[in-house]
């Protein structure tokens, strides 16, 4: 009976662990796709970004003196925020994406 319980627990943990790996792989793939999509704006004029994504929900100057454009959306009730950093020449130099898939 002890052997049966041990085998059952071992099988359970194997399935639990493999399920977590599957979720992690899917999440990593989604993040990679999002980064590829947004990285195409790096080095491009901010007008291209605004033409594609529309007007930002927020814009402000950061501590470096660069402009940050913030786009906020929701998908399935989960908030998504994309921030793009624009230099003094109106060129996109970076981005951060949180909660977007």
N, C-alpha and C. Protein backbone atom coordinates (compact mmCIF):
# COMPACT_ATOMS: atom_id res chain seq x y z
N UNK A 1 0.83 -1.19 0.00
CA UNK A 1 0.00 0.00 0.00
C UNK A 1 0.87 1.26 0.00
N UNK A 2 2.00 1.24 0.74
CA UNK A 2 2.90 2.39 0.76
C UNK A 2 3.50 2.65 -0.62
N UNK A 3 3.81 1.58 -1.32
CA UNK A 3 4.39 1.72 -2.65
C UNK A 3 3.38 2.37 -3.58
N UNK A 4 2.12 1.98 -3.49
CA UNK A 4 1.06 2.55 -4.32
C UNK A 4 0.92 4.05 -4.06
N UNK A 5 0.94 4.45 -2.78
CA UNK A 5 0.85 5.88 -2.44
C UNK A 5 2.06 6.64 -2.95
N UNK A 6 3.23 6.06 -2.83
CA UNK A 6 4.45 6.72 -3.30
C UNK A 6 4.42 6.92 -4.81
N UNK A 7 4.01 5.88 -5.51
CA UNK A 7 3.94 5.97 -6.97
C UNK A 7 2.90 7.02 -7.38
N UNK A 8 1.76 7.03 -6.71
CA UNK A 8 0.70 8.00 -7.00
C UNK A 8 1.21 9.42 -6.77
N UNK A 9 1.90 9.66 -5.67
CA UNK A 9 2.44 10.99 -5.38
C UNK A 9 3.49 11.38 -6.42
N UNK A 10 4.33 10.45 -6.79
CA UNK A 10 5.35 10.72 -7.79
C UNK A 10 4.73 11.11 -9.12
N UNK A 11 3.72 10.39 -9.54
CA UNK A 11 3.03 10.70 -10.79
C UNK A 11 2.36 12.08 -10.70
N UNK A 12 1.73 12.37 -9.58
CA UNK A 12 1.07 13.66 -9.38
C UNK A 12 2.08 14.81 -9.51
N UNK A 13 3.23 14.70 -8.85
CA UNK A 13 4.23 15.75 -8.91
C UNK A 13 4.83 15.89 -10.31
N UNK A 14 4.95 14.80 -11.01
CA UNK A 14 5.45 14.87 -12.39
C UNK A 14 4.49 15.68 -13.27
N UNK A 15 3.19 15.39 -13.14
CA UNK A 15 2.20 16.14 -13.91
C UNK A 15 2.15 17.61 -13.49
N UNK A 16 2.22 17.87 -12.20
CA UNK A 16 2.18 19.25 -11.70
C UNK A 16 3.38 20.03 -12.22
N UNK A 17 4.55 19.45 -12.16
CA UNK A 17 5.77 20.12 -12.61
C UNK A 17 5.74 20.37 -14.12
N UNK A 18 5.32 19.39 -14.88
CA UNK A 18 5.29 19.56 -16.34
C UNK A 18 4.24 20.59 -16.74
N UNK A 19 3.15 20.69 -15.99
CA UNK A 19 2.13 21.70 -16.27
C UNK A 19 2.66 23.10 -16.06
N UNK A 20 3.46 23.29 -15.00
CA UNK A 20 4.06 24.60 -14.74
C UNK A 20 5.04 24.97 -15.85
N UNK A 21 5.80 24.01 -16.34
CA UNK A 21 6.75 24.27 -17.41
C UNK A 21 6.01 24.69 -18.68
N UNK A 22 4.87 24.07 -18.96
CA UNK A 22 4.09 24.40 -20.14
C UNK A 22 3.58 25.84 -20.06
N UNK A 23 3.06 26.24 -18.91
CA UNK A 23 2.57 27.60 -18.72
C UNK A 23 3.72 28.59 -18.87
N UNK A 24 4.87 28.29 -18.29
CA UNK A 24 6.03 29.17 -18.40
C UNK A 24 6.46 29.32 -19.85
N UNK A 25 6.50 28.24 -20.60
CA UNK A 25 6.89 28.31 -22.01
C UNK A 25 5.92 29.16 -22.81
N UNK A 26 4.63 29.00 -22.55
CA UNK A 26 3.62 29.80 -23.27
C UNK A 26 3.74 31.27 -22.91
N UNK A 27 3.96 31.56 -21.64
CA UNK A 27 4.12 32.95 -21.20
C UNK A 27 5.36 33.57 -21.82
N UNK A 28 6.46 32.83 -21.82
CA UNK A 28 7.70 33.34 -22.42
C UNK A 28 7.51 33.62 -23.91
N UNK A 29 6.78 32.76 -24.60
CA UNK A 29 6.52 32.95 -26.03
C UNK A 29 5.69 34.21 -26.27
N UNK A 30 4.71 34.45 -25.42
CA UNK A 30 3.86 35.64 -25.56
C UNK A 30 4.68 36.91 -25.32
N UNK A 31 5.52 36.89 -24.30
CA UNK A 31 6.36 38.05 -23.99
C UNK A 31 7.33 38.31 -25.14
N UNK A 32 7.93 37.27 -25.68
CA UNK A 32 8.86 37.41 -26.80
C UNK A 32 8.16 38.02 -28.01
N UNK A 33 6.95 37.57 -28.29
CA UNK A 33 6.19 38.11 -29.42
C UNK A 33 5.87 39.59 -29.21
N UNK A 34 5.49 39.95 -27.99
CA UNK A 34 5.21 41.35 -27.66
C UNK A 34 6.46 42.21 -27.84
N UNK A 35 7.60 41.72 -27.36
CA UNK A 35 8.85 42.48 -27.49
C UNK A 35 9.26 42.65 -28.95
N UNK A 36 9.07 41.63 -29.76
CA UNK A 36 9.38 41.74 -31.18
C UNK A 36 8.49 42.77 -31.86
N UNK A 37 7.22 42.75 -31.49
CA UNK A 37 6.25 43.69 -32.07
C UNK A 37 6.62 45.13 -31.73
N UNK A 38 7.00 45.37 -30.48
CA UNK A 38 7.28 46.74 -30.04
C UNK A 38 8.68 47.20 -30.41
N UNK A 39 9.62 46.29 -30.53
CA UNK A 39 11.00 46.68 -30.83
C UNK A 39 11.14 47.25 -32.24
N UNK A 40 10.16 47.01 -33.10
CA UNK A 40 10.24 47.58 -34.46
C UNK A 40 10.16 49.11 -34.43
N UNK A 41 9.70 49.69 -33.32
CA UNK A 41 9.61 51.15 -33.21
C UNK A 41 10.92 51.79 -32.75
N UNK A 42 11.85 51.00 -32.22
CA UNK A 42 13.12 51.54 -31.75
C UNK A 42 13.86 52.15 -32.94
N UNK A 43 14.32 53.40 -32.77
CA UNK A 43 15.03 54.10 -33.84
C UNK A 43 14.13 54.76 -34.86
N UNK A 44 12.82 54.63 -34.69
CA UNK A 44 11.86 55.24 -35.62
C UNK A 44 11.31 56.53 -35.01
N UNK A 45 10.80 57.43 -35.84
CA UNK A 45 10.19 58.67 -35.33
C UNK A 45 8.94 58.38 -34.51
N UNK A 46 8.69 59.22 -33.53
CA UNK A 46 7.51 59.03 -32.68
C UNK A 46 6.22 59.16 -33.47
N UNK A 47 6.24 59.86 -34.60
CA UNK A 47 5.04 59.98 -35.44
C UNK A 47 4.60 58.62 -35.96
N UNK A 48 5.56 57.74 -36.29
CA UNK A 48 5.23 56.39 -36.76
C UNK A 48 4.51 55.63 -35.65
N UNK A 49 4.99 55.76 -34.42
CA UNK A 49 4.37 55.12 -33.27
C UNK A 49 2.95 55.62 -33.08
N UNK A 50 2.77 56.93 -33.13
CA UNK A 50 1.44 57.52 -32.95
C UNK A 50 0.49 57.16 -34.09
N UNK A 51 1.01 57.05 -35.31
CA UNK A 51 0.17 56.64 -36.43
C UNK A 51 -0.34 55.22 -36.25
N UNK A 52 0.53 54.34 -35.74
CA UNK A 52 0.16 52.94 -35.58
C UNK A 52 -0.70 52.68 -34.34
N UNK A 53 -0.34 53.30 -33.21
CA UNK A 53 -1.03 53.03 -31.94
C UNK A 53 -2.03 54.11 -31.53
N UNK A 54 -2.05 55.22 -32.24
CA UNK A 54 -2.95 56.31 -31.88
C UNK A 54 -2.31 57.24 -30.86
N UNK A 55 -3.11 58.14 -30.36
CA UNK A 55 -2.61 59.07 -29.35
C UNK A 55 -2.45 58.35 -28.02
N UNK A 56 -1.39 58.68 -27.29
CA UNK A 56 -1.16 58.01 -26.00
C UNK A 56 -2.16 58.47 -24.95
N UNK A 57 -2.35 57.62 -23.93
CA UNK A 57 -3.22 57.97 -22.81
C UNK A 57 -2.56 59.00 -21.91
N UNK A 58 -1.23 58.95 -21.84
CA UNK A 58 -0.46 59.90 -21.03
C UNK A 58 0.83 60.23 -21.77
N UNK A 59 1.35 61.43 -21.52
CA UNK A 59 2.70 61.75 -21.95
C UNK A 59 3.30 62.71 -20.93
N UNK A 60 4.57 62.52 -20.65
CA UNK A 60 5.27 63.34 -19.67
C UNK A 60 6.77 63.28 -19.90
N UNK A 61 7.48 64.22 -19.29
CA UNK A 61 8.94 64.24 -19.34
C UNK A 61 9.47 63.44 -18.17
N UNK A 62 10.44 62.56 -18.43
CA UNK A 62 11.05 61.79 -17.34
C UNK A 62 12.23 62.56 -16.76
N UNK A 63 12.93 61.94 -15.81
CA UNK A 63 14.03 62.61 -15.12
C UNK A 63 15.22 62.89 -16.04
N UNK A 64 15.31 62.21 -17.17
CA UNK A 64 16.38 62.45 -18.13
C UNK A 64 16.04 63.55 -19.12
N UNK A 65 14.81 64.06 -19.05
CA UNK A 65 14.36 65.08 -19.97
C UNK A 65 13.74 64.53 -21.24
N UNK A 66 13.64 63.22 -21.35
CA UNK A 66 13.00 62.59 -22.51
C UNK A 66 11.50 62.49 -22.28
N UNK A 67 10.76 62.43 -23.36
CA UNK A 67 9.31 62.29 -23.28
C UNK A 67 8.95 60.81 -23.18
N UNK A 68 7.97 60.50 -22.36
CA UNK A 68 7.45 59.14 -22.27
C UNK A 68 5.99 59.15 -22.71
N UNK A 69 5.67 58.27 -23.65
CA UNK A 69 4.30 58.09 -24.11
C UNK A 69 3.77 56.80 -23.50
N UNK A 70 2.60 56.88 -22.87
CA UNK A 70 2.03 55.73 -22.17
C UNK A 70 0.71 55.36 -22.83
N UNK A 71 0.62 54.09 -23.21
CA UNK A 71 -0.60 53.54 -23.80
C UNK A 71 -1.17 52.51 -22.83
N UNK A 72 -2.43 52.68 -22.46
CA UNK A 72 -3.07 51.76 -21.51
C UNK A 72 -4.28 51.11 -22.17
N UNK A 73 -4.38 49.79 -22.00
CA UNK A 73 -5.52 49.03 -22.49
C UNK A 73 -5.86 47.95 -21.46
N UNK A 74 -6.95 47.25 -21.71
CA UNK A 74 -7.34 46.11 -20.88
C UNK A 74 -7.76 44.97 -21.80
N UNK A 75 -7.33 43.76 -21.44
CA UNK A 75 -7.75 42.57 -22.18
C UNK A 75 -8.17 41.54 -21.15
N UNK A 76 -9.39 41.08 -21.24
CA UNK A 76 -9.96 40.14 -20.27
C UNK A 76 -9.89 40.70 -18.84
N UNK A 77 -10.01 42.02 -18.72
CA UNK A 77 -9.98 42.66 -17.41
C UNK A 77 -8.58 42.85 -16.84
N UNK A 78 -7.55 42.46 -17.59
CA UNK A 78 -6.16 42.60 -17.13
C UNK A 78 -5.57 43.86 -17.75
N UNK A 79 -5.10 44.79 -16.91
CA UNK A 79 -4.55 46.04 -17.45
C UNK A 79 -3.21 45.81 -18.16
N UNK A 80 -3.06 46.49 -19.27
CA UNK A 80 -1.84 46.44 -20.08
C UNK A 80 -1.31 47.86 -20.19
N UNK A 81 -0.01 48.02 -19.96
CA UNK A 81 0.60 49.35 -20.07
C UNK A 81 1.88 49.26 -20.88
N UNK A 82 1.95 50.07 -21.92
CA UNK A 82 3.15 50.15 -22.77
C UNK A 82 3.69 51.56 -22.68
N UNK A 83 4.97 51.69 -22.29
CA UNK A 83 5.62 53.00 -22.21
C UNK A 83 6.73 53.05 -23.23
N UNK A 84 6.77 54.14 -23.98
CA UNK A 84 7.82 54.36 -24.96
C UNK A 84 8.58 55.62 -24.58
N UNK A 85 9.90 55.55 -24.63
CA UNK A 85 10.74 56.71 -24.32
C UNK A 85 11.17 57.34 -25.63
N UNK A 86 10.97 58.66 -25.73
CA UNK A 86 11.25 59.43 -26.93
C UNK A 86 12.34 60.45 -26.61
N UNK A 87 13.40 60.50 -27.41
CA UNK A 87 14.48 61.45 -27.14
C UNK A 87 14.12 62.84 -27.67
N UNK A 88 15.07 63.78 -27.53
CA UNK A 88 14.81 65.17 -27.93
C UNK A 88 14.65 65.33 -29.44
N UNK A 89 15.08 64.35 -30.22
CA UNK A 89 14.93 64.38 -31.68
C UNK A 89 13.66 63.67 -32.14
N UNK A 90 12.76 63.35 -31.21
CA UNK A 90 11.50 62.66 -31.48
C UNK A 90 11.71 61.25 -32.04
N UNK A 91 12.74 60.56 -31.56
CA UNK A 91 13.04 59.19 -31.96
C UNK A 91 12.78 58.27 -30.77
N UNK A 92 12.13 57.14 -31.03
CA UNK A 92 11.85 56.16 -29.98
C UNK A 92 13.17 55.48 -29.60
N UNK A 93 13.52 55.53 -28.30
CA UNK A 93 14.79 54.95 -27.87
C UNK A 93 14.60 53.78 -26.91
N UNK A 94 13.37 53.51 -26.46
CA UNK A 94 13.14 52.39 -25.57
C UNK A 94 11.66 52.18 -25.28
N UNK A 95 11.36 51.04 -24.70
CA UNK A 95 9.97 50.74 -24.32
C UNK A 95 9.95 49.77 -23.16
N UNK A 96 8.82 49.78 -22.45
CA UNK A 96 8.56 48.84 -21.37
C UNK A 96 7.10 48.41 -21.53
N UNK A 97 6.86 47.12 -21.41
CA UNK A 97 5.52 46.58 -21.56
C UNK A 97 5.19 45.76 -20.31
N UNK A 98 4.04 46.06 -19.68
CA UNK A 98 3.63 45.35 -18.47
C UNK A 98 2.21 44.81 -18.62
N UNK A 99 2.04 43.53 -18.39
CA UNK A 99 0.72 42.92 -18.40
C UNK A 99 0.08 42.73 -19.76
N UNK A 100 0.87 42.88 -20.81
CA UNK A 100 0.33 42.80 -22.17
C UNK A 100 0.56 41.41 -22.75
N UNK A 101 -0.47 40.89 -23.39
CA UNK A 101 -0.33 39.60 -24.07
C UNK A 101 -1.22 39.57 -25.29
